[in-house]
Amino acid sequence: MFKLMICREITKLMSQRLDVPLGIKDRLLLQMHIGMCGACRECNRQFELLHQAGNAYEPLAHEQGNTTENLS
């Protein structure tokens, strides 16, 4: 049976799914929780915006020679 997850667990899934595909159970739990929780819906929207911004910056940074390897 599916257990309702708390917001802290859901935010971990939100972050994780941006890097690796989630299993069916975790995808369903995430979708159900986001459907019911406005705060997590907003958090998910922000995660997605940050992920998109990072993806847009990466090619530009490589063109200009500004990679994370150059930060140290």
Foldseek 3Di string as FASTA:
>chain_A
DDDQDDLVVLLVLLLVCLPPPDDPNNVVNNVVVCVPDVVSVVVSVVSVVVSVVVVVVVVVCVVVVNDPVVPD
